[in-house]
C-alpha cells in the first residue's frame, strides 16, 4: 500500500542510522513491527498472576510419550 506521510527528515536519518535500515520502507516496517511486539508483550503482562494453571510438573516429566500401547 502506498501512503504519503510527513515525517521530519532528521528523525528519519537518525532512525536509519541507529537501526542500520537500508531503506525508508524497511525502517517503517521495522518500527511498526516493534510497536506491535511491544503492545503484545504489554497485553501479556496484564495476565501475570491472573491465570491459575494447575500443572504437576513431576508427572509431566515422568510420562513417556514414546511408549507403545
C-alpha atoms as a PDB file:
ATOM      1  CA  UNK A   1       0.000   0.000   0.000  1.00  0.00           C
ATOM      2  CA  UNK A   2       1.267   3.429  -0.825  1.00  0.00           C
ATOM      3  CA  UNK A   3       0.794   6.142   1.776  1.00  0.00           C
ATOM      4  CA  UNK A   4       2.055   9.694   1.901  1.00  0.00           C
ATOM      5  CA  UNK A   5       3.095  10.890   5.348  1.00  0.00           C
ATOM      6  CA  UNK A   6       5.126  13.825   6.619  1.00  0.00           C
ATOM      7  CA  UNK A   7       7.970  12.729   8.893  1.00  0.00           C
ATOM      8  CA  UNK A   8      10.800  15.081   9.799  1.00  0.00           C
ATOM      9  CA  UNK A   9      13.835  14.187   7.684  1.00  0.00           C
ATOM     10  CA  UNK A  10      16.251  14.435  10.619  1.00  0.00           C
ATOM     11  CA  UNK A  11      14.145  11.871  12.511  1.00  0.00           C
ATOM     12  CA  UNK A  12      14.243   9.506   9.538  1.00  0.00           C
ATOM     13  CA  UNK A  13      18.017   9.946   9.115  1.00  0.00           C
ATOM     14  CA  UNK A  14      18.725   9.275  12.794  1.00  0.00           C
ATOM     15  CA  UNK A  15      16.408   6.256  12.898  1.00  0.00           C
ATOM     16  CA  UNK A  16      18.038   4.804   9.774  1.00  0.00           C
ATOM     17  CA  UNK A  17      21.476   5.392  11.291  1.00  0.00           C
ATOM     18  CA  UNK A  18      20.762   3.695  14.631  1.00  0.00           C
ATOM     19  CA  UNK A  19      18.799   0.788  13.136  1.00  0.00           C
ATOM     20  CA  UNK A  20      21.017   0.433  10.061  1.00  0.00           C
ATOM     21  CA  UNK A  21      17.843   0.141   7.980  1.00  0.00           C
ATOM     22  CA  UNK A  22      18.784   0.136   4.293  1.00  0.00           C
ATOM     23  CA  UNK A  23      15.630   1.929   3.123  1.00  0.00           C
ATOM     24  CA  UNK A  24      12.887   4.119   4.491  1.00  0.00           C
ATOM     25  CA  UNK A  25      10.397   1.333   3.795  1.00  0.00           C
ATOM     26  CA  UNK A  26      12.455  -1.139   5.838  1.00  0.00           C
ATOM     27  CA  UNK A  27      12.708   1.435   8.622  1.00  0.00           C
ATOM     28  CA  UNK A  28       8.938   1.957   8.772  1.00  0.00           C
ATOM     29  CA  UNK A  29       8.237  -1.801   8.636  1.00  0.00           C
ATOM     30  CA  UNK A  30      10.723  -2.375  11.453  1.00  0.00           C
ATOM     31  CA  UNK A  31       9.185   0.412  13.539  1.00  0.00           C
ATOM     32  CA  UNK A  32       5.645  -0.905  13.050  1.00  0.00           C
ATOM     33  CA  UNK A  33       6.716  -4.463  13.935  1.00  0.00           C
ATOM     34  CA  UNK A  34       8.396  -3.151  17.103  1.00  0.00           C
ATOM     35  CA  UNK A  35       5.259  -1.237  18.122  1.00  0.00           C
ATOM     36  CA  UNK A  36       3.110  -4.327  17.580  1.00  0.00           C
ATOM     37  CA  UNK A  37       5.515  -6.562  19.534  1.00  0.00           C
ATOM     38  CA  UNK A  38       5.755  -4.135  22.467  1.00  0.00           C
ATOM     39  CA  UNK A  39       1.978  -3.859  22.693  1.00  0.00           C
ATOM     40  CA  UNK A  40       1.521  -7.633  22.598  1.00  0.00           C
ATOM     41  CA  UNK A  41       4.070  -8.013  25.400  1.00  0.00           C
ATOM     42  CA  UNK A  42       2.284  -5.300  27.367  1.00  0.00           C
ATOM     43  CA  UNK A  43      -1.028  -7.144  26.971  1.00  0.00           C
ATOM     44  CA  UNK A  44       0.554 -10.444  28.072  1.00  0.00           C
ATOM     45  CA  UNK A  45       1.992  -8.775  31.175  1.00  0.00           C
ATOM     46  CA  UNK A  46      -1.526  -7.825  32.206  1.00  0.00           C
ATOM     47  CA  UNK A  47      -2.237 -11.543  32.688  1.00  0.00           C
ATOM     48  CA  UNK A  48       0.678 -12.047  35.102  1.00  0.00           C
ATOM     49  CA  UNK A  49      -0.684 -13.697  38.226  1.00  0.00           C
ATOM     50  CA  UNK A  50      -4.247 -13.814  36.915  1.00  0.00           C
ATOM     51  CA  UNK A  51      -4.242 -17.251  35.302  1.00  0.00           C
ATOM     52  CA  UNK A  52      -4.285 -20.230  37.628  1.00  0.00           C
ATOM     53  CA  UNK A  53      -2.938 -23.290  35.901  1.00  0.00           C
ATOM     54  CA  UNK A  54      -2.655 -26.484  37.865  1.00  0.00           C
ATOM     55  CA  UNK A  55       0.215 -28.427  36.356  1.00  0.00           C
ATOM     56  CA  UNK A  56       2.016 -31.317  38.013  1.00  0.00           C
ATOM     57  CA  UNK A  57       5.480 -30.932  36.520  1.00  0.00           C
ATOM     58  CA  UNK A  58       6.729 -34.152  38.126  1.00  0.00           C
ATOM     59  CA  UNK A  59       4.090 -36.262  36.407  1.00  0.00           C
ATOM     60  CA  UNK A  60       4.736 -34.489  33.112  1.00  0.00           C
ATOM     61  CA  UNK A  61       8.454 -35.204  33.385  1.00  0.00           C
ATOM     62  CA  UNK A  62       7.820 -38.875  34.182  1.00  0.00           C
ATOM     63  CA  UNK A  63       5.497 -39.571  31.272  1.00  0.00           C
ATOM     64  CA  UNK A  64       6.912 -41.361  28.294  1.00  0.00           C
ATOM     65  CA  UNK A  65       5.162 -40.348  25.097  1.00  0.00           C
ATOM     66  CA  UNK A  66       7.011 -42.967  23.082  1.00  0.00           C
ATOM     67  CA  UNK A  67       5.732 -45.947  24.976  1.00  0.00           C
ATOM     68  CA  UNK A  68       3.980 -48.372  22.627  1.00  0.00           C
ATOM     69  CA  UNK A  69       0.487 -49.359  23.588  1.00  0.00           C
END
